């Protein structure tokens, strides 16, 4: 259970980082 939850959290963090990078990139374009 713990490992599955940890993996899920890691996936969410990874997706969040990607989203933040995309948002920052769009802002940088402006």
Protein backbone atom coordinates (compact mmCIF):
# COMPACT_ATOMS: atom_id res chain seq x y z
CA UNK A 1 0.00 0.00 0.00
CA UNK A 2 2.64 2.51 1.08
CA UNK A 3 4.78 1.92 -2.01
CA UNK A 4 1.76 2.26 -4.33
CA UNK A 5 0.78 5.55 -2.67
CA UNK A 6 4.38 6.77 -2.88
CA UNK A 7 4.55 5.92 -6.59
CA UNK A 8 1.26 7.73 -7.21
CA UNK A 9 2.53 10.81 -5.34
CA UNK A 10 5.75 10.75 -7.38
CA UNK A 11 3.70 10.60 -10.60
CA UNK A 12 1.55 13.54 -9.47
CA UNK A 13 4.64 15.57 -8.52
CA UNK A 14 6.23 14.78 -11.90
CA UNK A 15 3.09 15.90 -13.77
CA UNK A 16 2.89 19.06 -11.65
CA UNK A 17 6.51 19.91 -12.45
CA UNK A 18 5.82 19.44 -16.18
CA UNK A 19 2.74 21.70 -15.95
CA UNK A 20 4.71 24.37 -14.07
CA UNK A 21 7.48 24.26 -16.70
CA UNK A 22 4.92 24.65 -19.50
CA UNK A 23 3.22 27.57 -17.71
CA UNK A 24 6.58 29.25 -17.05
CA UNK A 25 7.54 28.76 -20.70
CA UNK A 26 4.29 30.37 -21.89
CA UNK A 27 4.80 33.32 -19.53
CA UNK A 28 8.40 33.66 -20.76
CA UNK A 29 7.15 33.91 -24.36
CA UNK A 30 5.03 36.93 -23.44
